[in-house]
Amino acid sequence: MKNKYNIKRLCFLVFLISTLSITTTNAQIIFPDDVNDETPAVPIDGFVGLGIAAGIYFGARKRSARNN
């Protein structure tokens, strides 16, 4: 009988927590209208290729070290 009570209590708590977490994730931040969204704050396009090349190099190096 006690086990049945614990299962009901656990189901209720899971339902309560999931219901409350869903309502909090739908909250939206309102920004003022004077925000400039057109120009990026930091240009990141120069380092994307370098990062991809470094990832390929280190991945190939690790894979070849594992095979030997």
PDB file of N, CA and C in Angstrom:
ATOM      1  N   MET A   1       0.820  -1.186   0.000  1.00  0.00           N
ATOM      2  CA  MET A   1       0.000   0.000   0.000  1.00  0.00           C
ATOM      3  C   MET A   1       0.870   1.259   0.000  1.00  0.00           C
ATOM      4  N   LYS A   2       1.958   1.202   0.740  1.00  0.00           N
ATOM      5  CA  LYS A   2       2.828   2.370   0.808  1.00  0.00           C
ATOM      6  C   LYS A   2       3.510   2.625  -0.533  1.00  0.00           C
ATOM      7  N   ASN A   3       3.845   1.572  -1.258  1.00  0.00           N
ATOM      8  CA  ASN A   3       4.488   1.709  -2.554  1.00  0.00           C
ATOM      9  C   ASN A   3       3.557   2.409  -3.544  1.00  0.00           C
ATOM     10  N   LYS A   4       2.279   2.099  -3.495  1.00  0.00           N
ATOM     11  CA  LYS A   4       1.298   2.732  -4.370  1.00  0.00           C
ATOM     12  C   LYS A   4       1.207   4.235  -4.076  1.00  0.00           C
ATOM     13  N   TYR A   5       1.276   4.592  -2.801  1.00  0.00           N
ATOM     14  CA  TYR A   5       1.244   5.998  -2.403  1.00  0.00           C
ATOM     15  C   TYR A   5       2.469   6.731  -2.943  1.00  0.00           C
ATOM     16  N   ASN A   6       3.627   6.099  -2.885  1.00  0.00           N
ATOM     17  CA  ASN A   6       4.856   6.733  -3.367  1.00  0.00           C
ATOM     18  C   ASN A   6       4.822   6.937  -4.877  1.00  0.00           C
ATOM     19  N   ILE A   7       4.255   5.987  -5.612  1.00  0.00           N
ATOM     20  CA  ILE A   7       4.164   6.125  -7.060  1.00  0.00           C
ATOM     21  C   ILE A   7       3.230   7.267  -7.428  1.00  0.00           C
ATOM     22  N   LYS A   8       2.106   7.386  -6.746  1.00  0.00           N
ATOM     23  CA  LYS A   8       1.174   8.488  -7.007  1.00  0.00           C
ATOM     24  C   LYS A   8       1.822   9.828  -6.682  1.00  0.00           C
ATOM     25  N   ARG A   9       2.542   9.866  -5.590  1.00  0.00           N
ATOM     26  CA  ARG A   9       3.218  11.108  -5.186  1.00  0.00           C
ATOM     27  C   ARG A   9       4.296  11.487  -6.201  1.00  0.00           C
ATOM     28  N   LEU A  10       5.050  10.504  -6.673  1.00  0.00           N
ATOM     29  CA  LEU A  10       6.095  10.756  -7.664  1.00  0.00           C
ATOM     30  C   LEU A  10       5.489  11.244  -8.979  1.00  0.00           C
ATOM     31  N   CYS A  11       4.399  10.619  -9.416  1.00  0.00           N
ATOM     32  CA  CYS A  11       3.735  11.063 -10.644  1.00  0.00           C
ATOM     33  C   CYS A  11       3.229  12.492 -10.519  1.00  0.00           C
ATOM     34  N   PHE A  12       2.665  12.823  -9.371  1.00  0.00           N
ATOM     35  CA  PHE A  12       2.191  14.183  -9.152  1.00  0.00           C
ATOM     36  C   PHE A  12       3.337  15.189  -9.182  1.00  0.00           C
ATOM     37  N   LEU A  13       4.449  14.856  -8.549  1.00  0.00           N
ATOM     38  CA  LEU A  13       5.592  15.773  -8.540  1.00  0.00           C
ATOM     39  C   LEU A  13       6.178  15.949  -9.937  1.00  0.00           C
ATOM     40  N   VAL A  14       6.273  14.876 -10.702  1.00  0.00           N
ATOM     41  CA  VAL A  14       6.785  14.976 -12.073  1.00  0.00           C
ATOM     42  C   VAL A  14       5.858  15.837 -12.909  1.00  0.00           C
ATOM     43  N   PHE A  15       4.557  15.639 -12.773  1.00  0.00           N
ATOM     44  CA  PHE A  15       3.583  16.453 -13.501  1.00  0.00           C
ATOM     45  C   PHE A  15       3.683  17.922 -13.106  1.00  0.00           C
ATOM     46  N   LEU A  16       3.806  18.192 -11.825  1.00  0.00           N
ATOM     47  CA  LEU A  16       3.893  19.570 -11.340  1.00  0.00           C
ATOM     48  C   LEU A  16       5.164  20.253 -11.840  1.00  0.00           C
ATOM     49  N   ILE A  17       6.284  19.575 -11.756  1.00  0.00           N
ATOM     50  CA  ILE A  17       7.553  20.161 -12.190  1.00  0.00           C
ATOM     51  C   ILE A  17       7.560  20.390 -13.696  1.00  0.00           C
ATOM     52  N   SER A  18       7.048  19.426 -14.466  1.00  0.00           N
ATOM     53  CA  SER A  18       7.028  19.607 -15.915  1.00  0.00           C
ATOM     54  C   SER A  18       6.082  20.725 -16.323  1.00  0.00           C
ATOM     55  N   THR A  19       4.976  20.873 -15.644  1.00  0.00           N
ATOM     56  CA  THR A  19       4.040  21.952 -15.954  1.00  0.00           C
ATOM     57  C   THR A  19       4.653  23.313 -15.651  1.00  0.00           C
ATOM     58  N   LEU A  20       5.321  23.427 -14.533  1.00  0.00           N
ATOM     59  CA  LEU A  20       5.926  24.714 -14.170  1.00  0.00           C
ATOM     60  C   LEU A  20       7.121  25.045 -15.062  1.00  0.00           C
ATOM     61  N   SER A  21       7.881  24.056 -15.476  1.00  0.00           N
ATOM     62  CA  SER A  21       9.041  24.340 -16.310  1.00  0.00           C
ATOM     63  C   SER A  21       8.617  24.749 -17.718  1.00  0.00           C
ATOM     64  N   ILE A  22       7.518  24.218 -18.215  1.00  0.00           N
ATOM     65  CA  ILE A  22       7.035  24.600 -19.541  1.00  0.00           C
ATOM     66  C   ILE A  22       6.584  26.046 -19.549  1.00  0.00           C
ATOM     67  N   THR A  23       5.944  26.495 -18.500  1.00  0.00           N
ATOM     68  CA  THR A  23       5.468  27.879 -18.470  1.00  0.00           C
ATOM     69  C   THR A  23       6.621  28.860 -18.324  1.00  0.00           C
ATOM     70  N   THR A  24       7.696  28.478 -17.669  1.00  0.00           N
ATOM     71  CA  THR A  24       8.815  29.400 -17.521  1.00  0.00           C
ATOM     72  C   THR A  24       9.657  29.479 -18.789  1.00  0.00           C
ATOM     73  N   THR A  25       9.667  28.443 -19.617  1.00  0.00           N
ATOM     74  CA  THR A  25      10.458  28.502 -20.833  1.00  0.00           C
ATOM     75  C   THR A  25       9.800  29.345 -21.910  1.00  0.00           C
ATOM     76  N   ASN A  26       8.544  29.637 -21.778  1.00  0.00           N
ATOM     77  CA  ASN A  26       7.859  30.454 -22.768  1.00  0.00           C
ATOM     78  C   ASN A  26       8.006  31.952 -22.502  1.00  0.00           C
ATOM     79  N   ALA A  27       8.693  32.328 -21.447  1.00  0.00           N
ATOM     80  CA  ALA A  27       8.883  33.736 -21.148  1.00  0.00           C
ATOM     81  C   ALA A  27       9.795  34.368 -22.194  1.00  0.00           C
ATOM     82  N   GLN A  28       9.461  35.557 -22.649  1.00  0.00           N
ATOM     83  CA  GLN A  28      10.227  36.231 -23.693  1.00  0.00           C
ATOM     84  C   GLN A  28      10.772  37.547 -23.154  1.00  0.00           C
ATOM     85  N   ILE A  29      12.002  37.848 -23.543  1.00  0.00           N
ATOM     86  CA  ILE A  29      12.619  39.112 -23.166  1.00  0.00           C
ATOM     87  C   ILE A  29      12.235  40.145 -24.210  1.00  0.00           C
ATOM     88  N   ILE A  30      11.834  41.300 -23.762  1.00  0.00           N
ATOM     89  CA  ILE A  30      11.453  42.374 -24.685  1.00  0.00           C
ATOM     90  C   ILE A  30      12.598  43.379 -24.742  1.00  0.00           C
ATOM     91  N   PHE A  31      13.135  43.561 -25.944  1.00  0.00           N
ATOM     92  CA  PHE A  31      14.215  44.508 -26.147  1.00  0.00           C
ATOM     93  C   PHE A  31      13.646  45.836 -26.618  1.00  0.00           C
ATOM     94  N   PRO A  32      14.337  46.937 -26.322  1.00  0.00           N
ATOM     95  CA  PRO A  32      13.874  48.226 -26.834  1.00  0.00           C
ATOM     96  C   PRO A  32      14.019  48.307 -28.359  1.00  0.00           C
ATOM     97  N   ASP A  33      13.292  49.199 -28.981  1.00  0.00           N
ATOM     98  CA  ASP A  33      13.294  49.313 -30.433  1.00  0.00           C
ATOM     99  C   ASP A  33      14.555  49.963 -30.993  1.00  0.00           C
ATOM    100  N   ASP A  34      15.378  50.576 -30.167  1.00  0.00           N
ATOM    101  CA  ASP A  34      16.553  51.270 -30.677  1.00  0.00           C
ATOM    102  C   ASP A  34      17.793  50.366 -30.774  1.00  0.00           C
ATOM    103  N   VAL A  35      17.635  49.057 -30.703  1.00  0.00           N
ATOM    104  CA  VAL A  35      18.750  48.123 -30.822  1.00  0.00           C
ATOM    105  C   VAL A  35      19.112  47.970 -32.291  1.00  0.00           C
ATOM    106  N   ASN A  36      20.406  48.085 -32.608  1.00  0.00           N
ATOM    107  CA  ASN A  36      20.876  47.956 -33.977  1.00  0.00           C
ATOM    108  C   ASN A  36      21.212  46.496 -34.245  1.00  0.00           C
ATOM    109  N   ASP A  37      20.362  45.812 -35.000  1.00  0.00           N
ATOM    110  CA  ASP A  37      20.567  44.404 -35.296  1.00  0.00           C
ATOM    111  C   ASP A  37      21.295  44.161 -36.611  1.00  0.00           C
ATOM    112  N   GLU A  38      21.587  45.177 -37.356  1.00  0.00           N
ATOM    113  CA  GLU A  38      22.162  45.008 -38.687  1.00  0.00           C
ATOM    114  C   GLU A  38      23.666  44.761 -38.659  1.00  0.00           C
ATOM    115  N   THR A  39      24.404  45.456 -37.835  1.00  0.00           N
ATOM    116  CA  THR A  39      25.860  45.305 -37.825  1.00  0.00           C
ATOM    117  C   THR A  39      26.274  44.355 -36.705  1.00  0.00           C
ATOM    118  N   PRO A  40      27.108  43.355 -37.007  1.00  0.00           N
ATOM    119  CA  PRO A  40      27.554  42.448 -35.947  1.00  0.00           C
ATOM    120  C   PRO A  40      28.540  43.153 -35.017  1.00  0.00           C
ATOM    121  N   ALA A  41      28.548  42.767 -33.775  1.00  0.00           N
ATOM    122  CA  ALA A  41      29.438  43.379 -32.798  1.00  0.00           C
ATOM    123  C   ALA A  41      30.881  42.963 -33.043  1.00  0.00           C
ATOM    124  N   VAL A  42      31.096  41.712 -33.449  1.00  0.00           N
ATOM    125  CA  VAL A  42      32.443  41.194 -33.685  1.00  0.00           C
ATOM    126  C   VAL A  42      32.435  40.417 -34.998  1.00  0.00           C
ATOM    127  N   PRO A  43      33.337  40.743 -35.929  1.00  0.00           N
ATOM    128  CA  PRO A  43      33.392  39.959 -37.162  1.00  0.00           C
ATOM    129  C   PRO A  43      34.034  38.597 -36.889  1.00  0.00           C
ATOM    130  N   ILE A  44      33.303  37.531 -37.130  1.00  0.00           N
ATOM    131  CA  ILE A  44      33.832  36.195 -36.829  1.00  0.00           C
ATOM    132  C   ILE A  44      34.145  35.407 -38.087  1.00  0.00           C
ATOM    133  N   ASP A  45      33.921  35.968 -39.251  1.00  0.00           N
ATOM    134  CA  ASP A  45      34.084  35.202 -40.476  1.00  0.00           C
ATOM    135  C   ASP A  45      35.535  34.854 -40.782  1.00  0.00           C
ATOM    136  N   GLY A  46      36.499  35.580 -40.280  1.00  0.00           N
ATOM    137  CA  GLY A  46      37.900  35.300 -40.569  1.00  0.00           C
ATOM    138  C   GLY A  46      38.425  34.072 -39.860  1.00  0.00           C
ATOM    139  N   PHE A  47      37.911  33.762 -38.685  1.00  0.00           N
ATOM    140  CA  PHE A  47      38.443  32.657 -37.903  1.00  0.00           C
ATOM    141  C   PHE A  47      37.664  31.356 -38.088  1.00  0.00           C
ATOM    142  N   VAL A  48      36.581  31.374 -38.824  1.00  0.00           N
ATOM    143  CA  VAL A  48      35.803  30.152 -39.025  1.00  0.00           C
ATOM    144  C   VAL A  48      36.606  29.142 -39.831  1.00  0.00           C
ATOM    145  N   GLY A  49      37.196  29.573 -40.927  1.00  0.00           N
ATOM    146  CA  GLY A  49      38.018  28.673 -41.743  1.00  0.00           C
ATOM    147  C   GLY A  49      39.227  28.171 -40.989  1.00  0.00           C
ATOM    148  N   LEU A  50      39.853  29.048 -40.218  1.00  0.00           N
ATOM    149  CA  LEU A  50      41.011  28.649 -39.421  1.00  0.00           C
ATOM    150  C   LEU A  50      40.615  27.620 -38.360  1.00  0.00           C
ATOM    151  N   GLY A  51      39.484  27.802 -37.734  1.00  0.00           N
ATOM    152  CA  GLY A  51      39.008  26.844 -36.732  1.00  0.00           C
ATOM    153  C   GLY A  51      38.678  25.498 -37.337  1.00  0.00           C
ATOM    154  N   ILE A  52      38.064  25.501 -38.512  1.00  0.00           N
ATOM    155  CA  ILE A  52      37.744  24.245 -39.187  1.00  0.00           C
ATOM    156  C   ILE A  52      39.027  23.519 -39.580  1.00  0.00           C
ATOM    157  N   ALA A  53      40.000  24.263 -40.106  1.00  0.00           N
ATOM    158  CA  ALA A  53      41.273  23.649 -40.489  1.00  0.00           C
ATOM    159  C   ALA A  53      41.997  23.080 -39.265  1.00  0.00           C
ATOM    160  N   ALA A  54      41.986  23.788 -38.159  1.00  0.00           N
ATOM    161  CA  ALA A  54      42.635  23.287 -36.944  1.00  0.00           C
ATOM    162  C   ALA A  54      41.919  22.045 -36.428  1.00  0.00           C
ATOM    163  N   GLY A  55      40.594  22.027 -36.509  1.00  0.00           N
ATOM    164  CA  GLY A  55      39.846  20.849 -36.082  1.00  0.00           C
ATOM    165  C   GLY A  55      40.135  19.637 -36.928  1.00  0.00           C
ATOM    166  N   ILE A  56      40.246  19.827 -38.224  1.00  0.00           N
ATOM    167  CA  ILE A  56      40.582  18.718 -39.118  1.00  0.00           C
ATOM    168  C   ILE A  56      41.992  18.206 -38.827  1.00  0.00           C
ATOM    169  N   TYR A  57      42.921  19.122 -38.611  1.00  0.00           N
ATOM    170  CA  TYR A  57      44.303  18.734 -38.331  1.00  0.00           C
ATOM    171  C   TYR A  57      44.398  17.921 -37.039  1.00  0.00           C
ATOM    172  N   PHE A  58      43.806  18.435 -35.957  1.00  0.00           N
ATOM    173  CA  PHE A  58      43.901  17.734 -34.679  1.00  0.00           C
ATOM    174  C   PHE A  58      43.109  16.430 -34.693  1.00  0.00           C
ATOM    175  N   GLY A  59      41.984  16.394 -35.397  1.00  0.00           N
ATOM    176  CA  GLY A  59      41.226  15.162 -35.509  1.00  0.00           C
ATOM    177  C   GLY A  59      41.972  14.096 -36.284  1.00  0.00           C
ATOM    178  N   ALA A  60      42.606  14.482 -37.387  1.00  0.00           N
ATOM    179  CA  ALA A  60      43.388  13.526 -38.167  1.00  0.00           C
ATOM    180  C   ALA A  60      44.603  13.054 -37.384  1.00  0.00           C
ATOM    181  N   ARG A  61      45.219  13.953 -36.650  1.00  0.00           N
ATOM    182  CA  ARG A  61      46.389  13.595 -35.849  1.00  0.00           C
ATOM    183  C   ARG A  61      46.008  12.605 -34.744  1.00  0.00           C
ATOM    184  N   LYS A  62      44.881  12.825 -34.087  1.00  0.00           N
ATOM    185  CA  LYS A  62      44.441  11.932 -33.034  1.00  0.00           C
ATOM    186  C   LYS A  62      44.034  10.576 -33.607  1.00  0.00           C
ATOM    187  N   ARG A  63      43.393  10.596 -34.747  1.00  0.00           N
ATOM    188  CA  ARG A  63      42.967   9.334 -35.373  1.00  0.00           C
ATOM    189  C   ARG A  63      44.169   8.513 -35.833  1.00  0.00           C
ATOM    190  N   SER A  64      45.182   9.185 -36.383  1.00  0.00           N
ATOM    191  CA  SER A  64      46.370   8.439 -36.834  1.00  0.00           C
ATOM    192  C   SER A  64      47.176   7.931 -35.648  1.00  0.00           C
ATOM    193  N   ALA A  65      47.165   8.644 -34.543  1.00  0.00           N
ATOM    194  CA  ALA A  65      47.884   8.181 -33.351  1.00  0.00           C
ATOM    195  C   ALA A  65      47.174   6.987 -32.741  1.00  0.00           C
ATOM    196  N   ARG A  66      45.863   6.929 -32.857  1.00  0.00           N
ATOM    197  CA  ARG A  66      45.110   5.816 -32.309  1.00  0.00           C
ATOM    198  C   ARG A  66      45.287   4.559 -33.159  1.00  0.00           C
ATOM    199  N   ASN A  67      45.448   4.722 -34.475  1.00  0.00           N
ATOM    200  CA  ASN A  67      45.606   3.582 -35.367  1.00  0.00           C
ATOM    201  C   ASN A  67      46.993   2.955 -35.277  1.00  0.00           C
ATOM    202  N   ASN A  68      47.992   3.719 -34.883  1.00  0.00           N
ATOM    203  CA  ASN A  68      49.364   3.180 -34.831  1.00  0.00           C
ATOM    204  C   ASN A  68      49.650   2.509 -33.552  1.00  0.00           C
TER     205      ASN A  68
END
